[in-house]
N, C-alpha and C. Protein backbone atom coordinates (compact mmCIF):
# COMPACT_ATOMS: atom_id res chain seq x y z
N MET A 1 95.02 108.36 106.38
CA MET A 1 93.93 108.39 105.36
C MET A 1 93.32 107.27 104.71
N SER A 2 93.87 105.94 104.98
CA SER A 2 93.30 104.47 103.99
C SER A 2 92.77 104.38 105.46
N GLN A 3 92.51 104.43 106.80
CA GLN A 3 91.58 103.78 108.09
C GLN A 3 90.17 104.74 107.86
N TYR A 4 90.91 106.24 107.54
CA TYR A 4 89.45 106.82 107.52
C TYR A 4 88.25 106.22 106.19
N ILE A 5 88.95 105.87 105.36
CA ILE A 5 88.63 105.86 103.54
C ILE A 5 87.97 104.40 104.20
N LYS A 6 88.56 103.42 104.75
CA LYS A 6 87.92 102.16 105.07
C LYS A 6 87.06 101.83 106.17
N ASP A 7 86.99 102.98 106.90
CA ASP A 7 86.03 102.85 107.98
C ASP A 7 84.64 103.66 107.21
N GLU A 8 84.76 104.79 105.89
CA GLU A 8 83.61 105.00 105.32
C GLU A 8 83.11 104.55 104.39
N LEU A 9 83.42 103.47 103.72
CA LEU A 9 83.34 102.82 102.88
C LEU A 9 82.99 101.12 103.42
N ASN A 10 83.15 100.99 104.55
CA ASN A 10 83.01 99.96 105.69
C ASN A 10 83.60 98.49 104.72
N CYS A 11 84.70 98.79 104.48
CA CYS A 11 85.93 97.36 103.56
C CYS A 11 86.47 97.21 104.65
N LEU A 12 86.97 95.83 104.32
CA LEU A 12 88.45 95.29 105.01
C LEU A 12 89.44 95.52 104.55
N GLN A 13 89.42 95.62 103.57
CA GLN A 13 91.10 95.93 102.89
C GLN A 13 91.11 97.44 101.56
N PHE A 14 92.63 98.27 101.96
CA PHE A 14 92.04 99.22 101.22
C PHE A 14 93.73 99.36 100.21
N GLU A 15 94.13 99.39 99.27
CA GLU A 15 94.94 99.47 98.64
C GLU A 15 95.42 100.68 97.56
N LEU A 16 96.07 101.01 97.48
CA LEU A 16 96.61 101.74 96.28
C LEU A 16 97.27 101.54 95.22
N LEU A 17 97.22 101.31 94.02
CA LEU A 17 97.54 100.70 93.16
C LEU A 17 98.23 101.92 92.17
N PRO A 18 99.81 101.51 92.09
CA PRO A 18 100.38 102.80 91.29
C PRO A 18 100.47 102.90 89.57
N ASN A 19 100.12 101.78 89.16
CA ASN A 19 100.13 101.66 88.11
C ASN A 19 98.77 101.64 87.24
N GLU A 20 98.25 103.08 87.35
CA GLU A 20 96.94 103.32 87.00
C GLU A 20 96.74 102.99 85.64
N GLU A 21 98.02 103.68 84.49
CA GLU A 21 98.09 103.08 83.21
C GLU A 21 97.42 101.62 82.73
N ASP A 22 97.20 100.91 83.95
CA ASP A 22 96.87 99.38 83.47
C ASP A 22 95.70 99.51 83.66
N TYR A 23 94.40 100.40 84.07
CA TYR A 23 93.18 100.31 84.80
C TYR A 23 92.50 101.16 83.49
N VAL A 24 93.09 102.51 83.66
CA VAL A 24 92.60 103.40 83.41
C VAL A 24 93.07 104.44 81.95
N LEU A 25 91.92 104.89 81.17
CA LEU A 25 92.21 105.71 79.78
C LEU A 25 91.95 107.07 80.55
N TYR A 26 92.53 107.91 79.45
CA TYR A 26 92.38 109.66 79.14
C TYR A 26 91.50 109.94 77.95
N SER A 27 90.74 110.35 77.90
CA SER A 27 90.20 110.98 76.69
C SER A 27 90.09 112.47 76.51
N THR A 28 90.41 113.14 75.39
CA THR A 28 90.16 114.66 75.19
C THR A 28 89.29 115.24 74.49
N THR A 29 88.65 116.22 74.36
CA THR A 29 87.57 116.40 73.39
C THR A 29 87.99 117.82 73.41
N PRO A 30 88.33 118.74 72.16
CA PRO A 30 88.66 120.16 71.99
C PRO A 30 87.32 120.75 72.13
N ASP A 31 87.36 121.88 72.66
CA ASP A 31 86.53 122.85 72.89
C ASP A 31 86.32 123.65 71.12
N HIS A 32 85.75 123.10 70.50
CA HIS A 32 86.19 123.89 68.72
C HIS A 32 85.66 125.19 68.85
N LYS A 33 84.99 125.70 69.63
CA LYS A 33 84.29 127.07 69.68
C LYS A 33 85.49 128.12 70.29
N GLU A 34 85.97 127.50 71.51
CA GLU A 34 87.29 128.20 71.96
C GLU A 34 88.14 128.55 71.37
N MET A 35 88.86 127.23 70.87
CA MET A 35 89.79 127.29 70.00
C MET A 35 89.86 127.66 68.85
N GLY A 36 89.21 127.71 68.05
CA GLY A 36 88.62 128.47 66.89
C GLY A 36 88.32 129.66 66.69
N GLY A 37 88.04 130.50 67.67
CA GLY A 37 88.01 131.72 68.31
C GLY A 37 89.00 131.95 68.38
N ALA A 38 89.56 131.55 69.04
CA ALA A 38 91.30 132.36 69.67
C ALA A 38 92.26 131.61 68.50
N LEU A 39 92.29 130.67 68.01
CA LEU A 39 93.44 130.12 67.14
C LEU A 39 93.24 130.71 65.54
N LYS A 40 91.95 130.63 65.16
CA LYS A 40 91.58 130.99 64.03
C LYS A 40 92.30 130.22 63.01
N ARG A 41 93.13 130.19 61.91
CA ARG A 41 93.66 129.70 61.12
C ARG A 41 94.57 128.26 61.69
N ALA A 42 95.00 128.85 62.45
CA ALA A 42 96.03 127.43 63.47
C ALA A 42 95.23 126.87 63.87
N TYR A 43 93.56 126.92 64.16
CA TYR A 43 93.32 125.79 64.19
C TYR A 43 92.58 124.66 63.12
N THR A 44 93.73 123.84 62.71
CA THR A 44 93.51 122.99 61.67
C THR A 44 92.86 121.54 62.16
N LYS A 45 92.50 120.95 61.01
CA LYS A 45 91.93 119.78 61.29
C LYS A 45 92.85 118.79 62.02
N ALA A 46 94.31 118.91 61.32
CA ALA A 46 95.59 117.96 61.70
C ALA A 46 95.34 118.51 63.30
N LEU A 47 95.50 119.63 63.81
CA LEU A 47 95.91 120.22 65.34
C LEU A 47 94.50 119.76 66.05
N LYS A 48 92.92 119.66 65.33
CA LYS A 48 92.11 119.03 65.91
C LYS A 48 92.16 117.57 66.07
N GLU A 49 93.05 116.51 65.38
CA GLU A 49 93.07 115.40 65.52
C GLU A 49 94.12 115.07 66.77
N LYS A 50 95.18 115.84 66.82
CA LYS A 50 96.02 115.87 67.83
C LYS A 50 95.85 116.35 69.09
N VAL A 51 94.67 117.22 69.16
CA VAL A 51 94.18 117.19 70.24
C VAL A 51 93.25 116.11 71.01
N SER A 52 92.47 116.00 70.18
CA SER A 52 91.61 114.86 70.37
C SER A 52 92.15 113.01 70.47
N SER A 53 93.72 113.22 70.41
CA SER A 53 94.36 111.91 70.73
C SER A 53 96.03 111.90 71.45
N LEU A 54 95.68 112.82 72.74
CA LEU A 54 96.66 112.86 73.46
C LEU A 54 97.33 111.60 74.42
N SER A 55 98.29 111.96 74.44
CA SER A 55 99.02 110.86 75.22
C SER A 55 98.74 110.65 76.79
N ARG A 56 98.87 109.96 77.44
CA ARG A 56 98.52 110.01 79.06
C ARG A 56 99.61 111.22 79.53
N ASP A 57 101.12 111.35 79.44
CA ASP A 57 101.87 112.51 79.42
C ASP A 57 101.46 113.40 79.13
N GLN A 58 101.20 114.22 77.78
CA GLN A 58 100.67 115.23 77.56
C GLN A 58 99.31 115.72 78.21
N VAL A 59 98.49 114.86 78.36
CA VAL A 59 97.06 114.82 78.96
C VAL A 59 97.80 115.45 80.89
N ARG A 60 98.61 114.83 81.17
CA ARG A 60 98.88 114.83 82.69
C ARG A 60 99.43 116.33 82.58
N GLU A 61 100.69 116.80 81.46
CA GLU A 61 100.91 117.96 81.30
C GLU A 61 99.83 118.99 81.56
N TYR A 62 99.18 118.68 80.65
CA TYR A 62 97.56 119.84 80.36
C TYR A 62 97.19 119.93 81.33
N LEU A 63 97.04 119.15 82.34
CA LEU A 63 96.05 119.56 83.42
C LEU A 63 97.14 120.00 84.63
N GLN A 64 98.35 119.04 84.90
CA GLN A 64 99.22 120.09 85.86
C GLN A 64 99.70 121.64 85.73
N ASN A 65 99.89 121.69 84.17
CA ASN A 65 100.24 123.55 83.89
C ASN A 65 98.67 124.34 83.82
N GLY A 66 97.97 123.62 83.07
CA GLY A 66 96.71 124.61 82.36
C GLY A 66 97.12 124.81 81.20
N SER A 67 98.42 124.15 80.20
CA SER A 67 98.47 124.53 79.13
C SER A 67 99.24 123.57 78.33
N LEU A 68 99.21 123.58 77.17
CA LEU A 68 100.17 122.35 76.61
C LEU A 68 100.65 122.95 74.94
N THR A 69 101.74 122.64 75.14
CA THR A 69 102.50 123.17 73.35
C THR A 69 101.93 122.44 72.48
N LEU A 70 101.39 122.06 71.12
CA LEU A 70 101.29 121.01 70.24
C LEU A 70 102.01 122.05 68.62
N GLU A 71 102.71 121.46 68.00
CA GLU A 71 102.60 121.93 67.36
C GLU A 71 103.21 123.01 66.91
N GLY A 72 104.03 123.87 68.10
CA GLY A 72 103.99 125.13 68.16
C GLY A 72 102.79 126.00 68.71
N VAL A 73 101.85 125.68 68.76
CA VAL A 73 100.48 126.09 68.95
C VAL A 73 100.15 125.92 70.57
N GLU A 74 99.78 127.01 71.69
CA GLU A 74 99.84 126.79 72.79
C GLU A 74 98.23 126.54 73.04
N ILE A 75 97.80 125.40 73.46
CA ILE A 75 96.39 124.87 73.65
C ILE A 75 96.41 125.30 75.19
N LYS A 76 95.54 126.13 75.09
CA LYS A 76 95.47 126.96 77.23
C LYS A 76 94.33 126.15 78.00
N GLY A 77 94.41 126.07 79.19
CA GLY A 77 92.77 125.79 79.88
C GLY A 77 91.71 126.35 79.63
N GLY A 78 90.89 125.19 79.77
CA GLY A 78 89.77 125.33 79.22
C GLY A 78 89.23 125.26 77.79
N TRP A 79 90.31 124.91 76.57
CA TRP A 79 90.17 124.48 75.81
C TRP A 79 89.82 122.73 75.06
N ILE A 80 90.08 122.48 76.52
CA ILE A 80 89.93 120.68 76.29
C ILE A 80 89.15 120.08 77.10
N THR A 81 88.22 119.21 77.45
CA THR A 81 87.60 118.60 77.81
C THR A 81 88.40 117.36 78.34
N VAL A 82 88.39 116.72 79.61
CA VAL A 82 89.29 115.77 79.49
C VAL A 82 88.46 114.79 80.38
N ALA A 83 88.49 113.57 80.03
CA ALA A 83 87.55 113.03 80.87
C ALA A 83 88.73 111.66 80.92
N LYS A 84 88.04 110.79 82.03
CA LYS A 84 89.32 109.46 82.85
C LYS A 84 88.36 108.49 83.08
N SER A 85 88.37 107.73 82.25
CA SER A 85 87.66 105.95 82.47
C SER A 85 88.44 104.75 82.52
N PHE A 86 87.75 103.79 83.38
CA PHE A 86 88.32 102.58 83.18
C PHE A 86 88.42 102.06 82.02
N THR A 87 89.09 100.88 81.34
CA THR A 87 89.24 100.25 80.54
C THR A 87 88.18 99.44 80.27
N ASP A 88 87.65 98.90 79.02
CA ASP A 88 86.56 97.99 78.44
C ASP A 88 86.86 96.77 79.06
N LYS A 89 88.26 96.35 79.75
CA LYS A 89 88.51 94.84 80.51
C LYS A 89 87.83 95.30 81.12
N VAL A 90 88.40 96.29 82.41
CA VAL A 90 88.33 96.36 83.41
C VAL A 90 86.74 96.53 83.77
N LYS A 91 86.20 97.21 82.87
CA LYS A 91 84.33 97.52 83.01
C LYS A 91 83.76 96.07 82.70
N ALA A 92 84.39 95.19 81.90
CA ALA A 92 83.35 94.13 81.92
C ALA A 92 83.74 92.79 82.60
N GLN A 93 84.28 93.31 84.09
CA GLN A 93 84.37 92.49 84.93
C GLN A 93 83.24 92.86 86.15
N PRO A 94 82.63 91.52 86.06
CA PRO A 94 81.19 91.58 86.61
C PRO A 94 81.41 91.55 88.31
N GLU A 95 82.71 91.42 88.47
CA GLU A 95 83.16 91.26 89.90
C GLU A 95 83.61 92.45 90.27
N LEU A 96 83.90 93.47 89.81
CA LEU A 96 84.25 95.09 90.26
C LEU A 96 83.48 95.65 90.05
N GLY A 97 83.51 97.08 90.58
CA GLY A 97 82.70 98.16 90.73
C GLY A 97 83.19 99.22 90.49
N VAL A 98 83.30 99.29 89.39
CA VAL A 98 84.48 100.98 89.09
C VAL A 98 83.68 102.34 88.60
N ASP A 99 84.42 103.31 89.15
CA ASP A 99 83.95 104.73 88.67
C ASP A 99 85.08 105.62 88.95
N SER A 100 85.10 106.55 88.08
CA SER A 100 86.15 107.53 88.12
C SER A 100 85.44 108.82 88.22
N ASN A 101 86.73 109.62 88.21
CA ASN A 101 86.49 111.03 87.54
C ASN A 101 88.07 111.75 87.43
N LEU A 102 88.26 113.21 87.13
CA LEU A 102 89.57 113.38 87.04
C LEU A 102 90.60 113.69 88.22
N ASP A 103 89.97 113.43 89.65
CA ASP A 103 90.18 112.94 90.80
C ASP A 103 90.83 112.37 91.28
N ALA A 104 89.84 110.93 91.27
CA ALA A 104 90.40 109.63 91.51
C ALA A 104 90.01 108.52 90.54
N ALA A 105 90.12 107.45 90.70
CA ALA A 105 89.45 106.39 90.41
C ALA A 105 89.02 105.21 90.98
N VAL A 106 88.03 104.85 91.68
CA VAL A 106 87.77 103.93 92.77
C VAL A 106 87.50 102.36 91.42
N MET A 107 88.15 101.67 92.09
CA MET A 107 87.73 99.90 91.85
C MET A 107 87.52 99.11 92.85
N LEU A 108 86.33 99.02 93.08
CA LEU A 108 85.57 97.96 94.46
C LEU A 108 85.55 96.46 94.02
N ASP A 109 85.99 95.48 94.67
CA ASP A 109 85.99 94.00 94.65
C ASP A 109 84.73 93.52 95.29
N LEU A 110 83.57 93.65 94.23
CA LEU A 110 82.50 92.95 94.68
C LEU A 110 81.85 91.62 95.46
N LYS A 111 82.79 90.92 95.10
CA LYS A 111 82.98 88.87 95.63
C LYS A 111 82.35 89.14 96.80
N ILE A 112 81.62 88.53 97.47
CA ILE A 112 81.27 87.53 98.70
C ILE A 112 81.81 86.29 98.54
N ASP A 113 82.58 86.22 99.82
CA ASP A 113 82.45 84.39 99.96
C ASP A 113 81.98 84.39 101.35
N GLU A 114 82.05 83.37 101.82
CA GLU A 114 81.25 82.96 103.09
C GLU A 114 81.64 83.82 104.30
N GLU A 115 83.00 83.55 104.25
CA GLU A 115 83.36 84.73 105.60
C GLU A 115 82.92 85.90 105.64
N LEU A 116 82.74 86.93 104.12
CA LEU A 116 82.06 88.10 104.60
C LEU A 116 80.37 88.23 104.44
N ARG A 117 80.06 86.66 104.28
CA ARG A 117 79.00 86.83 104.32
C ARG A 117 78.45 86.37 105.99
N GLN A 118 79.22 85.66 106.59
CA GLN A 118 78.92 85.83 108.34
C GLN A 118 79.66 87.29 108.68
N MET A 119 80.14 87.58 108.02
CA MET A 119 80.41 89.18 109.06
C MET A 119 79.41 89.64 108.67
N GLY A 120 79.05 89.76 107.64
CA GLY A 120 77.19 90.54 107.33
C GLY A 120 76.18 90.40 108.38
N LEU A 121 76.26 88.75 108.71
CA LEU A 121 75.53 88.36 109.40
C LEU A 121 75.53 88.65 110.70
N ALA A 122 76.80 88.74 111.45
CA ALA A 122 76.85 89.30 112.63
C ALA A 122 76.73 90.55 112.64
N ARG A 123 77.30 91.18 111.77
CA ARG A 123 76.56 92.66 112.13
C ARG A 123 75.01 93.30 111.93
N GLU A 124 74.56 91.90 111.19
CA GLU A 124 72.52 92.38 111.38
C GLU A 124 72.76 92.26 112.53
N ILE A 125 73.32 90.92 113.13
CA ILE A 125 72.49 90.69 114.54
C ILE A 125 72.63 91.48 115.65
N VAL A 126 74.04 91.86 115.41
CA VAL A 126 74.30 93.28 116.64
C VAL A 126 73.55 94.40 116.58
N ASN A 127 72.83 94.94 114.83
CA ASN A 127 72.19 95.76 114.65
C ASN A 127 70.71 95.79 115.43
N LYS A 128 70.65 94.25 115.17
CA LYS A 128 69.02 93.83 115.85
C LYS A 128 68.66 94.48 117.07
N VAL A 129 70.49 93.57 118.00
CA VAL A 129 69.76 93.84 119.20
C VAL A 129 70.17 94.89 119.81
N GLN A 130 71.14 96.09 119.13
CA GLN A 130 71.20 97.26 119.73
C GLN A 130 69.62 98.48 119.37
N LYS A 131 68.76 97.77 118.04
CA LYS A 131 67.42 98.27 118.45
C LYS A 131 66.84 98.04 119.31
N LEU A 132 67.14 96.55 119.68
CA LEU A 132 65.61 96.13 120.64
C LEU A 132 65.94 96.92 121.87
N ARG A 133 67.52 97.31 122.22
CA ARG A 133 67.99 97.88 123.16
C ARG A 133 67.18 99.33 123.42
N LYS A 134 67.50 99.93 122.44
CA LYS A 134 66.73 101.34 122.44
C LYS A 134 65.68 101.11 122.84
N ALA A 135 64.66 100.49 122.13
CA ALA A 135 63.26 99.86 122.19
C ALA A 135 62.69 100.19 123.06
N ALA A 136 63.53 99.40 124.28
CA ALA A 136 63.49 98.88 125.68
C ALA A 136 63.70 99.80 126.65
N GLY A 137 64.28 100.53 125.84
CA GLY A 137 64.81 101.60 127.05
C GLY A 137 65.94 101.68 127.99
N LEU A 138 66.85 100.31 127.39
CA LEU A 138 67.85 100.32 128.05
C LEU A 138 69.33 101.23 128.11
N ASN A 139 69.66 101.17 129.02
CA ASN A 139 71.12 101.94 129.01
C ASN A 139 72.19 101.34 128.98
N ILE A 140 73.23 101.70 128.30
CA ILE A 140 74.62 101.21 127.73
C ILE A 140 75.14 100.23 128.84
N GLU A 141 75.13 100.40 130.06
CA GLU A 141 75.56 99.53 131.30
C GLU A 141 74.37 98.54 132.11
N ASP A 142 73.12 98.85 130.93
CA ASP A 142 72.55 97.41 131.46
C ASP A 142 72.94 96.23 131.22
N GLN A 143 72.91 95.29 132.37
CA GLN A 143 73.46 93.85 131.34
C GLN A 143 72.28 93.25 130.65
N VAL A 144 72.41 92.68 129.26
CA VAL A 144 71.51 91.67 128.70
C VAL A 144 71.82 90.69 128.38
N GLU A 145 71.44 89.15 128.80
CA GLU A 145 71.37 88.22 127.80
C GLU A 145 70.69 88.24 126.15
N VAL A 146 71.39 87.87 125.60
CA VAL A 146 70.69 87.63 124.12
C VAL A 146 70.95 86.02 123.88
N PHE A 147 69.77 85.32 123.40
CA PHE A 147 70.02 83.95 122.72
C PHE A 147 68.89 84.05 121.58
N TYR A 148 70.17 83.45 120.36
CA TYR A 148 69.29 83.50 119.23
C TYR A 148 69.22 82.12 118.86
N GLU A 149 68.51 81.91 117.21
CA GLU A 149 68.39 80.58 117.08
C GLU A 149 68.77 80.41 115.28
N LEU A 150 69.74 80.16 115.10
CA LEU A 150 70.02 80.02 113.35
C LEU A 150 69.23 78.80 112.45
N HIS A 151 68.46 79.23 112.00
CA HIS A 151 67.61 78.14 111.34
C HIS A 151 68.36 78.04 109.22
N SER A 152 68.73 77.25 109.47
CA SER A 152 69.53 77.06 108.07
C SER A 152 68.00 77.22 106.80
N THR A 153 68.32 77.70 105.55
CA THR A 153 67.40 77.72 105.01
C THR A 153 67.86 76.50 103.16
């Protein structure tokens, strides 16, 4: 799967990090209408606060099981909206591109060094040559000579 992702994203390296908690936070918001209608008096201010500040393990339990018990009250699936986002520390790093949803969190290193710049230039040259071959009506087996001159800016 990693090779597929590398090919589709056009990236050189792909790494799965096991320590999501260093980068990602979960936040929870109760659906007041659903919970209030179902729980009536059991839907107290204290329960609302607990639902809004679930731990990472509690959120995972809720997502995995479709329910969660808090203070003897069963919180059913659909009663809580869960969001997953990168920490402010990670989002503040300009060399990183980050995005997440409940299924995945993706962090891209956007730094471009000289080697990457040269690789990009090589890809552009190959792309232009292929377009010229196509425009000239050449077949893949036709031999061509390519000359180029690089001007420094």
